[in-house]
PDB file of N, CA and C in Angstrom:
ATOM      1  N   MET A   1       0.842  -1.153   0.000  1.00  0.00           N
ATOM      2  CA  MET A   1       0.000   0.000   0.000  1.00  0.00           C
ATOM      3  C   MET A   1       0.896   1.227   0.000  1.00  0.00           C
ATOM      4  N   THR A   2       0.530   2.223  -0.790  1.00  0.00           N
ATOM      5  CA  THR A   2       1.255   3.479  -0.868  1.00  0.00           C
ATOM      6  C   THR A   2       0.264   4.624  -0.683  1.00  0.00           C
ATOM      7  N   LEU A   3       0.612   5.585   0.146  1.00  0.00           N
ATOM      8  CA  LEU A   3      -0.229   6.760   0.372  1.00  0.00           C
ATOM      9  C   LEU A   3       0.352   7.929  -0.411  1.00  0.00           C
ATOM     10  N   LEU A   4      -0.503   8.629  -1.152  1.00  0.00           N
ATOM     11  CA  LEU A   4      -0.080   9.745  -1.991  1.00  0.00           C
ATOM     12  C   LEU A   4      -0.923  10.982  -1.692  1.00  0.00           C
ATOM     13  N   ASP A   5      -0.317  12.139  -1.875  1.00  0.00           N
ATOM     14  CA  ASP A   5      -1.075  13.389  -1.806  1.00  0.00           C
ATOM     15  C   ASP A   5      -1.494  13.753  -3.218  1.00  0.00           C
ATOM     16  N   GLY A   6      -2.779  14.000  -3.401  1.00  0.00           N
ATOM     17  CA  GLY A   6      -3.302  14.340  -4.718  1.00  0.00           C
ATOM     18  C   GLY A   6      -4.027  15.665  -4.693  1.00  0.00           C
ATOM     19  N   HIS A   7      -4.524  16.063  -5.844  1.00  0.00           N
ATOM     20  CA  HIS A   7      -5.255  17.316  -5.991  1.00  0.00           C
ATOM     21  C   HIS A   7      -6.430  17.052  -6.930  1.00  0.00           C
ATOM     22  N   GLY A   8      -7.644  17.291  -6.444  1.00  0.00           N
ATOM     23  CA  GLY A   8      -8.832  17.057  -7.259  1.00  0.00           C
ATOM     24  C   GLY A   8      -8.909  18.015  -8.436  1.00  0.00           C
ATOM     25  N   TYR A   9      -8.981  17.493  -9.631  1.00  0.00           N
ATOM     26  CA  TYR A   9      -9.028  18.340 -10.829  1.00  0.00           C
ATOM     27  C   TYR A   9     -10.303  19.177 -10.862  1.00  0.00           C
ATOM     28  N   VAL A  10     -11.443  18.557 -10.588  1.00  0.00           N
ATOM     29  CA  VAL A  10     -12.723  19.262 -10.645  1.00  0.00           C
ATOM     30  C   VAL A  10     -12.942  20.110  -9.394  1.00  0.00           C
ATOM     31  N   SER A  11     -12.703  19.515  -8.221  1.00  0.00           N
ATOM     32  CA  SER A  11     -12.963  20.225  -6.959  1.00  0.00           C
ATOM     33  C   SER A  11     -11.884  21.235  -6.615  1.00  0.00           C
ATOM     34  N   GLY A  12     -10.677  20.999  -7.094  1.00  0.00           N
ATOM     35  CA  GLY A  12      -9.569  21.872  -6.737  1.00  0.00           C
ATOM     36  C   GLY A  12      -9.079  21.665  -5.311  1.00  0.00           C
ATOM     37  N   GLN A  13      -9.603  20.641  -4.650  1.00  0.00           N
ATOM     38  CA  GLN A  13      -9.277  20.377  -3.246  1.00  0.00           C
ATOM     39  C   GLN A  13      -8.185  19.313  -3.133  1.00  0.00           C
ATOM     40  N   PRO A  14      -7.403  19.393  -2.040  1.00  0.00           N
ATOM     41  CA  PRO A  14      -6.423  18.333  -1.804  1.00  0.00           C
ATOM     42  C   PRO A  14      -7.125  17.002  -1.543  1.00  0.00           C
ATOM     43  N   LYS A  15      -6.534  15.926  -2.011  1.00  0.00           N
ATOM     44  CA  LYS A  15      -7.107  14.587  -1.854  1.00  0.00           C
ATOM     45  C   LYS A  15      -6.025  13.633  -1.382  1.00  0.00           C
ATOM     46  N   LYS A  16      -6.406  12.647  -0.611  1.00  0.00           N
ATOM     47  CA  LYS A  16      -5.517  11.562  -0.230  1.00  0.00           C
ATOM     48  C   LYS A  16      -5.777  10.398  -1.182  1.00  0.00           C
ATOM     49  N   ILE A  17      -4.726   9.801  -1.692  1.00  0.00           N
ATOM     50  CA  ILE A  17      -4.836   8.692  -2.621  1.00  0.00           C
ATOM     51  C   ILE A  17      -4.160   7.476  -1.991  1.00  0.00           C
ATOM     52  N   ILE A  18      -4.846   6.354  -1.999  1.00  0.00           N
ATOM     53  CA  ILE A  18      -4.279   5.099  -1.525  1.00  0.00           C
ATOM     54  C   ILE A  18      -4.112   4.191  -2.738  1.00  0.00           C
ATOM     55  N   TYR A  19      -2.882   3.766  -2.967  1.00  0.00           N
ATOM     56  CA  TYR A  19      -2.585   2.852  -4.070  1.00  0.00           C
ATOM     57  C   TYR A  19      -2.305   1.493  -3.449  1.00  0.00           C
ATOM     58  N   CYS A  20      -3.115   0.520  -3.800  1.00  0.00           N
ATOM     59  CA  CYS A  20      -3.015  -0.789  -3.167  1.00  0.00           C
ATOM     60  C   CYS A  20      -3.002  -1.876  -4.233  1.00  0.00           C
ATOM     61  N   VAL A  21      -2.073  -2.806  -4.106  1.00  0.00           N
ATOM     62  CA  VAL A  21      -2.007  -3.959  -4.993  1.00  0.00           C
ATOM     63  C   VAL A  21      -2.291  -5.190  -4.148  1.00  0.00           C
ATOM     64  N   CYS A  22      -3.252  -5.995  -4.590  1.00  0.00           N
ATOM     65  CA  CYS A  22      -3.588  -7.198  -3.834  1.00  0.00           C
ATOM     66  C   CYS A  22      -3.941  -8.331  -4.795  1.00  0.00           C
ATOM     67  N   GLU A  23      -3.948  -9.532  -4.271  1.00  0.00           N
ATOM     68  CA  GLU A  23      -4.348 -10.685  -5.059  1.00  0.00           C
ATOM     69  C   GLU A  23      -5.827 -10.589  -5.395  1.00  0.00           C
ATOM     70  N   ALA A  24      -6.208 -11.138  -6.522  1.00  0.00           N
ATOM     71  CA  ALA A  24      -7.604 -11.083  -6.967  1.00  0.00           C
ATOM     72  C   ALA A  24      -8.555 -11.659  -5.923  1.00  0.00           C
ATOM     73  N   LYS A  25      -8.114 -12.702  -5.214  1.00  0.00           N
ATOM     74  CA  LYS A  25      -8.998 -13.326  -4.231  1.00  0.00           C
ATOM     75  C   LYS A  25      -9.273 -12.421  -3.026  1.00  0.00           C
ATOM     76  N   LEU A  26      -8.483 -11.358  -2.830  1.00  0.00           N
ATOM     77  CA  LEU A  26      -8.704 -10.421  -1.727  1.00  0.00           C
ATOM     78  C   LEU A  26      -9.501  -9.185  -2.152  1.00  0.00           C
ATOM     79  N   GLN A  27      -9.807  -9.087  -3.419  1.00  0.00           N
ATOM     80  CA  GLN A  27     -10.473  -7.903  -3.956  1.00  0.00           C
ATOM     81  C   GLN A  27     -11.791  -7.596  -3.252  1.00  0.00           C
ATOM     82  N   VAL A  28     -12.609  -8.586  -3.005  1.00  0.00           N
ATOM     83  CA  VAL A  28     -13.906  -8.364  -2.367  1.00  0.00           C
ATOM     84  C   VAL A  28     -13.717  -7.820  -0.950  1.00  0.00           C
ATOM     85  N   LYS A  29     -12.765  -8.373  -0.211  1.00  0.00           N
ATOM     86  CA  LYS A  29     -12.510  -7.892   1.152  1.00  0.00           C
ATOM     87  C   LYS A  29     -12.014  -6.448   1.149  1.00  0.00           C
ATOM     88  N   VAL A  30     -11.106  -6.137   0.226  1.00  0.00           N
ATOM     89  CA  VAL A  30     -10.581  -4.778   0.136  1.00  0.00           C
ATOM     90  C   VAL A  30     -11.703  -3.802  -0.220  1.00  0.00           C
ATOM     91  N   MET A  31     -12.533  -4.166  -1.191  1.00  0.00           N
ATOM     92  CA  MET A  31     -13.645  -3.289  -1.596  1.00  0.00           C
ATOM     93  C   MET A  31     -14.629  -3.087  -0.447  1.00  0.00           C
ATOM     94  N   ASP A  32     -14.873  -4.118   0.339  1.00  0.00           N
ATOM     95  CA  ASP A  32     -15.768  -4.006   1.490  1.00  0.00           C
ATOM     96  C   ASP A  32     -15.212  -3.012   2.506  1.00  0.00           C
ATOM     97  N   LYS A  33     -13.914  -3.109   2.775  1.00  0.00           N
ATOM     98  CA  LYS A  33     -13.292  -2.182   3.733  1.00  0.00           C
ATOM     99  C   LYS A  33     -13.347  -0.748   3.222  1.00  0.00           C
ATOM    100  N   ILE A  34     -13.089  -0.560   1.931  1.00  0.00           N
ATOM    101  CA  ILE A  34     -13.162   0.783   1.346  1.00  0.00           C
ATOM    102  C   ILE A  34     -14.564   1.349   1.511  1.00  0.00           C
ATOM    103  N   ALA A  35     -15.575   0.559   1.207  1.00  0.00           N
ATOM    104  CA  ALA A  35     -16.972   1.010   1.309  1.00  0.00           C
ATOM    105  C   ALA A  35     -17.331   1.388   2.743  1.00  0.00           C
ATOM    106  N   ARG A  36     -16.799   0.669   3.721  1.00  0.00           N
ATOM    107  CA  ARG A  36     -17.069   0.997   5.132  1.00  0.00           C
ATOM    108  C   ARG A  36     -16.393   2.295   5.548  1.00  0.00           C
ATOM    109  N   ILE A  37     -15.154   2.492   5.076  1.00  0.00           N
ATOM    110  CA  ILE A  37     -14.395   3.681   5.459  1.00  0.00           C
ATOM    111  C   ILE A  37     -14.895   4.924   4.739  1.00  0.00           C
ATOM    112  N   ASP A  38     -15.132   4.808   3.419  1.00  0.00           N
ATOM    113  CA  ASP A  38     -15.576   5.959   2.632  1.00  0.00           C
ATOM    114  C   ASP A  38     -16.511   5.490   1.521  1.00  0.00           C
ATOM    115  N   PRO A  39     -17.818   5.535   1.789  1.00  0.00           N
ATOM    116  CA  PRO A  39     -18.792   5.083   0.783  1.00  0.00           C
ATOM    117  C   PRO A  39     -18.761   5.902  -0.507  1.00  0.00           C
ATOM    118  N   THR A  40     -18.163   7.094  -0.489  1.00  0.00           N
ATOM    119  CA  THR A  40     -18.107   7.936  -1.685  1.00  0.00           C
ATOM    120  C   THR A  40     -16.757   7.833  -2.397  1.00  0.00           C
ATOM    121  N   ALA A  41     -15.919   6.886  -1.988  1.00  0.00           N
ATOM    122  CA  ALA A  41     -14.584   6.743  -2.578  1.00  0.00           C
ATOM    123  C   ALA A  41     -14.669   6.427  -4.065  1.00  0.00           C
ATOM    124  N   PHE A  42     -13.736   6.976  -4.818  1.00  0.00           N
ATOM    125  CA  PHE A  42     -13.590   6.672  -6.236  1.00  0.00           C
ATOM    126  C   PHE A  42     -12.556   5.554  -6.328  1.00  0.00           C
ATOM    127  N   VAL A  43     -12.923   4.413  -6.895  1.00  0.00           N
ATOM    128  CA  VAL A  43     -12.064   3.234  -6.917  1.00  0.00           C
ATOM    129  C   VAL A  43     -11.848   2.786  -8.359  1.00  0.00           C
ATOM    130  N   VAL A  44     -10.609   2.493  -8.696  1.00  0.00           N
ATOM    131  CA  VAL A  44     -10.271   1.950 -10.011  1.00  0.00           C
ATOM    132  C   VAL A  44      -9.636   0.583  -9.784  1.00  0.00           C
ATOM    133  N   LEU A  45     -10.148  -0.433 -10.449  1.00  0.00           N
ATOM    134  CA  LEU A  45      -9.598  -1.787 -10.365  1.00  0.00           C
ATOM    135  C   LEU A  45      -8.996  -2.145 -11.715  1.00  0.00           C
ATOM    136  N   ASP A  46      -7.813  -2.727 -11.671  1.00  0.00           N
ATOM    137  CA  ASP A  46      -7.165  -3.142 -12.914  1.00  0.00           C
ATOM    138  C   ASP A  46      -6.273  -4.333 -12.627  1.00  0.00           C
ATOM    139  N   GLU A  47      -6.037  -5.139 -13.626  1.00  0.00           N
ATOM    140  CA  GLU A  47      -5.176  -6.306 -13.484  1.00  0.00           C
ATOM    141  C   GLU A  47      -3.736  -5.919 -13.808  1.00  0.00           C
ATOM    142  N   VAL A  48      -2.803  -6.332 -12.963  1.00  0.00           N
ATOM    143  CA  VAL A  48      -1.396  -6.067 -13.212  1.00  0.00           C
ATOM    144  C   VAL A  48      -0.907  -7.052 -14.266  1.00  0.00           C
ATOM    145  N   ARG A  49      -0.360  -6.527 -15.336  1.00  0.00           N
ATOM    146  CA  ARG A  49       0.126  -7.376 -16.416  1.00  0.00           C
ATOM    147  C   ARG A  49       1.638  -7.555 -16.344  1.00  0.00           C
ATOM    148  N   SER A  50       2.312  -6.566 -15.779  1.00  0.00           N
ATOM    149  CA  SER A  50       3.752  -6.676 -15.617  1.00  0.00           C
ATOM    150  C   SER A  50       4.197  -5.717 -14.519  1.00  0.00           C
ATOM    151  N   ALA A  51       5.347  -6.022 -13.938  1.00  0.00           N
ATOM    152  CA  ALA A  51       5.917  -5.170 -12.902  1.00  0.00           C
ATOM    153  C   ALA A  51       7.432  -5.266 -13.010  1.00  0.00           C
ATOM    154  N   TYR A  52       8.106  -4.228 -12.573  1.00  0.00           N
ATOM    155  CA  TYR A  52       9.551  -4.182 -12.686  1.00  0.00           C
ATOM    156  C   TYR A  52      10.147  -3.475 -11.480  1.00  0.00           C
ATOM    157  N   GLY A  53      11.252  -3.961 -10.973  1.00  0.00           N
ATOM    158  CA  GLY A  53      12.034  -3.248  -9.976  1.00  0.00           C
ATOM    159  C   GLY A  53      11.862  -3.724  -8.554  1.00  0.00           C
ATOM    160  N   ASN A  54      12.758  -3.232  -7.710  1.00  0.00           N
ATOM    161  CA  ASN A  54      12.696  -3.421  -6.267  1.00  0.00           C
ATOM    162  C   ASN A  54      12.582  -4.880  -5.846  1.00  0.00           C
ATOM    163  N   ASN A  55      13.402  -5.751  -6.438  1.00  0.00           N
ATOM    164  CA  ASN A  55      13.444  -7.173  -6.087  1.00  0.00           C
ATOM    165  C   ASN A  55      12.136  -7.920  -6.335  1.00  0.00           C
ATOM    166  N   LEU A  56      11.342  -7.465  -7.280  1.00  0.00           N
ATOM    167  CA  LEU A  56      10.070  -8.128  -7.563  1.00  0.00           C
ATOM    168  C   LEU A  56      10.250  -9.550  -8.091  1.00  0.00           C
ATOM    169  N   ILE A  57      11.362  -9.831  -8.717  1.00  0.00           N
ATOM    170  CA  ILE A  57      11.610 -11.188  -9.224  1.00  0.00           C
ATOM    171  C   ILE A  57      11.482 -12.176  -8.067  1.00  0.00           C
ATOM    172  N   LYS A  58      11.996 -11.822  -6.898  1.00  0.00           N
ATOM    173  CA  LYS A  58      11.926 -12.705  -5.740  1.00  0.00           C
ATOM    174  C   LYS A  58      10.477 -12.844  -5.250  1.00  0.00           C
ATOM    175  N   LEU A  59       9.690 -11.779  -5.379  1.00  0.00           N
ATOM    176  CA  LEU A  59       8.304 -11.818  -4.914  1.00  0.00           C
ATOM    177  C   LEU A  59       7.405 -12.573  -5.872  1.00  0.00           C
ATOM    178  N   LEU A  60       7.661 -12.439  -7.162  1.00  0.00           N
ATOM    179  CA  LEU A  60       6.815 -13.089  -8.151  1.00  0.00           C
ATOM    180  C   LEU A  60       7.215 -14.534  -8.294  1.00  0.00           C
TER     181      LEU A  60
END
């Protein structure tokens, strides 16, 4: 999980961004937690097709 400071393009307001990578089987649990914490959260789901760097060869 990575926390980022963002800026809303439409609202012009500062935003907190959480970037999280998880296994597909955990997706439902993660989405449930997001909905409990912030029901108005904007969520984008995508499949990772490739990754590079930071000793990922050992992790994959």
